[in-house]
């Protein structure tokens, strides 16, 4: 998972895009522990930020299924640890 996310971020930088959305991979059907997934995803972003000081990516969004409150809470907890902010909380809609 971390390799895939890192490659997506690298590719976004190569294409000089400004934003990218990454799903919370594995927290649904595969039932990976949300805390583990969230920490690994955020670590990927932190590692990317360190390695790419002048990247074009200015917005990285994590997409969470609206009813997956556990994963959202884990993101919120982890973001609070690093002083990141959550700008948009999930909205319950029929589909994403």
C-alpha atoms as a PDB file:
ATOM      1  CA  UNK A   1       0.000   0.000   0.000  1.00  0.00           C
ATOM      2  CA  UNK A   2       2.702   2.497   0.937  1.00  0.00           C
ATOM      3  CA  UNK A   3       4.590   1.782  -2.272  1.00  0.00           C
ATOM      4  CA  UNK A   4       1.429   2.448  -4.301  1.00  0.00           C
ATOM      5  CA  UNK A   5       0.708   5.721  -2.500  1.00  0.00           C
ATOM      6  CA  UNK A   6       4.317   6.866  -2.852  1.00  0.00           C
ATOM      7  CA  UNK A   7       4.201   6.126  -6.587  1.00  0.00           C
ATOM      8  CA  UNK A   8       0.946   8.079  -6.909  1.00  0.00           C
ATOM      9  CA  UNK A   9       2.460  11.088  -5.159  1.00  0.00           C
ATOM     10  CA  UNK A  10       5.621  10.872  -7.274  1.00  0.00           C
ATOM     11  CA  UNK A  11       3.547  10.632 -10.443  1.00  0.00           C
ATOM     12  CA  UNK A  12       1.431  13.608  -9.405  1.00  0.00           C
ATOM     13  CA  UNK A  13       4.590  15.618  -8.897  1.00  0.00           C
ATOM     14  CA  UNK A  14       5.965  14.515 -12.279  1.00  0.00           C
ATOM     15  CA  UNK A  15       2.733  15.613 -13.959  1.00  0.00           C
ATOM     16  CA  UNK A  16       2.894  18.898 -12.021  1.00  0.00           C
ATOM     17  CA  UNK A  17      -0.653  18.592 -10.715  1.00  0.00           C
ATOM     18  CA  UNK A  18      -1.787  20.636  -7.734  1.00  0.00           C
ATOM     19  CA  UNK A  19      -3.996  18.147  -5.925  1.00  0.00           C
ATOM     20  CA  UNK A  20      -4.519  14.430  -5.550  1.00  0.00           C
ATOM     21  CA  UNK A  21      -7.084  12.286  -3.742  1.00  0.00           C
ATOM     22  CA  UNK A  22      -6.089   8.998  -2.155  1.00  0.00           C
ATOM     23  CA  UNK A  23      -8.600   6.488  -0.798  1.00  0.00           C
ATOM     24  CA  UNK A  24      -8.121   4.990   2.660  1.00  0.00           C
ATOM     25  CA  UNK A  25      -6.943   1.757   1.065  1.00  0.00           C
ATOM     26  CA  UNK A  26      -7.671  -1.448   2.922  1.00  0.00           C
ATOM     27  CA  UNK A  27      -9.980  -0.110   5.631  1.00  0.00           C
ATOM     28  CA  UNK A  28     -13.139  -1.391   3.978  1.00  0.00           C
ATOM     29  CA  UNK A  29     -13.533  -4.861   2.500  1.00  0.00           C
ATOM     30  CA  UNK A  30      -9.970  -5.905   3.368  1.00  0.00           C
ATOM     31  CA  UNK A  31     -10.555  -4.884   7.012  1.00  0.00           C
ATOM     32  CA  UNK A  32      -7.032  -3.694   7.770  1.00  0.00           C
ATOM     33  CA  UNK A  33      -6.860  -1.861  11.103  1.00  0.00           C
ATOM     34  CA  UNK A  34      -7.743   1.784  10.489  1.00  0.00           C
ATOM     35  CA  UNK A  35      -5.052   3.061  12.844  1.00  0.00           C
ATOM     36  CA  UNK A  36      -2.326   1.185  10.940  1.00  0.00           C
ATOM     37  CA  UNK A  37      -3.581   2.315   7.531  1.00  0.00           C
ATOM     38  CA  UNK A  38      -3.903   5.934   8.609  1.00  0.00           C
ATOM     39  CA  UNK A  39      -0.430   6.072  10.133  1.00  0.00           C
ATOM     40  CA  UNK A  40       1.127   4.555   7.029  1.00  0.00           C
ATOM     41  CA  UNK A  41      -0.717   6.894   4.670  1.00  0.00           C
ATOM     42  CA  UNK A  42       0.290   9.962   6.641  1.00  0.00           C
ATOM     43  CA  UNK A  43       3.876   8.729   6.905  1.00  0.00           C
ATOM     44  CA  UNK A  44       3.938   8.399   3.096  1.00  0.00           C
ATOM     45  CA  UNK A  45       2.876  12.029   2.775  1.00  0.00           C
ATOM     46  CA  UNK A  46       5.419  13.176   5.355  1.00  0.00           C
ATOM     47  CA  UNK A  47       8.199  11.257   3.579  1.00  0.00           C
ATOM     48  CA  UNK A  48       7.074  12.734   0.260  1.00  0.00           C
ATOM     49  CA  UNK A  49       7.139  16.262   1.692  1.00  0.00           C
ATOM     50  CA  UNK A  50      10.693  15.742   2.936  1.00  0.00           C
ATOM     51  CA  UNK A  51      11.891  14.323  -0.388  1.00  0.00           C
ATOM     52  CA  UNK A  52      10.088  16.874  -2.590  1.00  0.00           C
ATOM     53  CA  UNK A  53      10.624  20.334  -1.140  1.00  0.00           C
ATOM     54  CA  UNK A  54       9.400  22.103  -4.283  1.00  0.00           C
ATOM     55  CA  UNK A  55       6.539  19.847  -5.371  1.00  0.00           C
ATOM     56  CA  UNK A  56       3.573  21.103  -7.342  1.00  0.00           C
ATOM     57  CA  UNK A  57       1.241  19.130  -5.053  1.00  0.00           C
ATOM     58  CA  UNK A  58      -0.301  21.589  -2.632  1.00  0.00           C
ATOM     59  CA  UNK A  59      -3.370  19.562  -1.641  1.00  0.00           C
ATOM     60  CA  UNK A  60      -3.487  15.883  -0.740  1.00  0.00           C
ATOM     61  CA  UNK A  61      -6.906  14.556   0.209  1.00  0.00           C
ATOM     62  CA  UNK A  62      -7.741  11.246   1.814  1.00  0.00           C
ATOM     63  CA  UNK A  63     -11.093   9.868   0.720  1.00  0.00           C
ATOM     64  CA  UNK A  64     -13.095   7.926   3.284  1.00  0.00           C
ATOM     65  CA  UNK A  65     -16.400   6.123   2.836  1.00  0.00           C
ATOM     66  CA  UNK A  66     -18.934   8.362   4.630  1.00  0.00           C
ATOM     67  CA  UNK A  67     -20.096   5.671   7.049  1.00  0.00           C
ATOM     68  CA  UNK A  68     -16.545   4.712   8.030  1.00  0.00           C
ATOM     69  CA  UNK A  69     -16.430   6.819  11.163  1.00  0.00           C
ATOM     70  CA  UNK A  70     -13.632   4.724  12.715  1.00  0.00           C
ATOM     71  CA  UNK A  71     -11.216   5.563   9.880  1.00  0.00           C
ATOM     72  CA  UNK A  72     -12.226   9.227   9.987  1.00  0.00           C
ATOM     73  CA  UNK A  73     -11.583   9.333  13.740  1.00  0.00           C
ATOM     74  CA  UNK A  74      -8.158   7.757  13.241  1.00  0.00           C
ATOM     75  CA  UNK A  75      -7.294  10.379  10.594  1.00  0.00           C
ATOM     76  CA  UNK A  76      -8.475  13.128  12.899  1.00  0.00           C
ATOM     77  CA  UNK A  77      -6.401  11.759  15.805  1.00  0.00           C
ATOM     78  CA  UNK A  78      -3.308  11.374  13.656  1.00  0.00           C
ATOM     79  CA  UNK A  79      -3.664  14.813  12.080  1.00  0.00           C
ATOM     80  CA  UNK A  80      -3.955  16.320  15.544  1.00  0.00           C
ATOM     81  CA  UNK A  81      -0.668  14.642  16.515  1.00  0.00           C
ATOM     82  CA  UNK A  82       1.096  16.443  13.657  1.00  0.00           C
ATOM     83  CA  UNK A  83      -0.880  19.702  13.674  1.00  0.00           C
ATOM     84  CA  UNK A  84      -2.378  19.023  10.261  1.00  0.00           C
ATOM     85  CA  UNK A  85      -5.914  20.224   9.840  1.00  0.00           C
ATOM     86  CA  UNK A  86      -8.965  18.542   8.446  1.00  0.00           C
ATOM     87  CA  UNK A  87     -10.614  21.065   6.222  1.00  0.00           C
ATOM     88  CA  UNK A  88     -13.652  19.086   5.176  1.00  0.00           C
ATOM     89  CA  UNK A  89     -15.389  16.460   7.262  1.00  0.00           C
ATOM     90  CA  UNK A  90     -17.246  13.697   5.425  1.00  0.00           C
ATOM     91  CA  UNK A  91     -20.801  14.306   4.382  1.00  0.00           C
ATOM     92  CA  UNK A  92     -23.202  11.400   4.408  1.00  0.00           C
ATOM     93  CA  UNK A  93     -24.355  10.918   0.838  1.00  0.00           C
ATOM     94  CA  UNK A  94     -25.641   7.929  -1.062  1.00  0.00           C
ATOM     95  CA  UNK A  95     -22.436   7.471  -3.054  1.00  0.00           C
ATOM     96  CA  UNK A  96     -18.989   8.918  -3.399  1.00  0.00           C
END
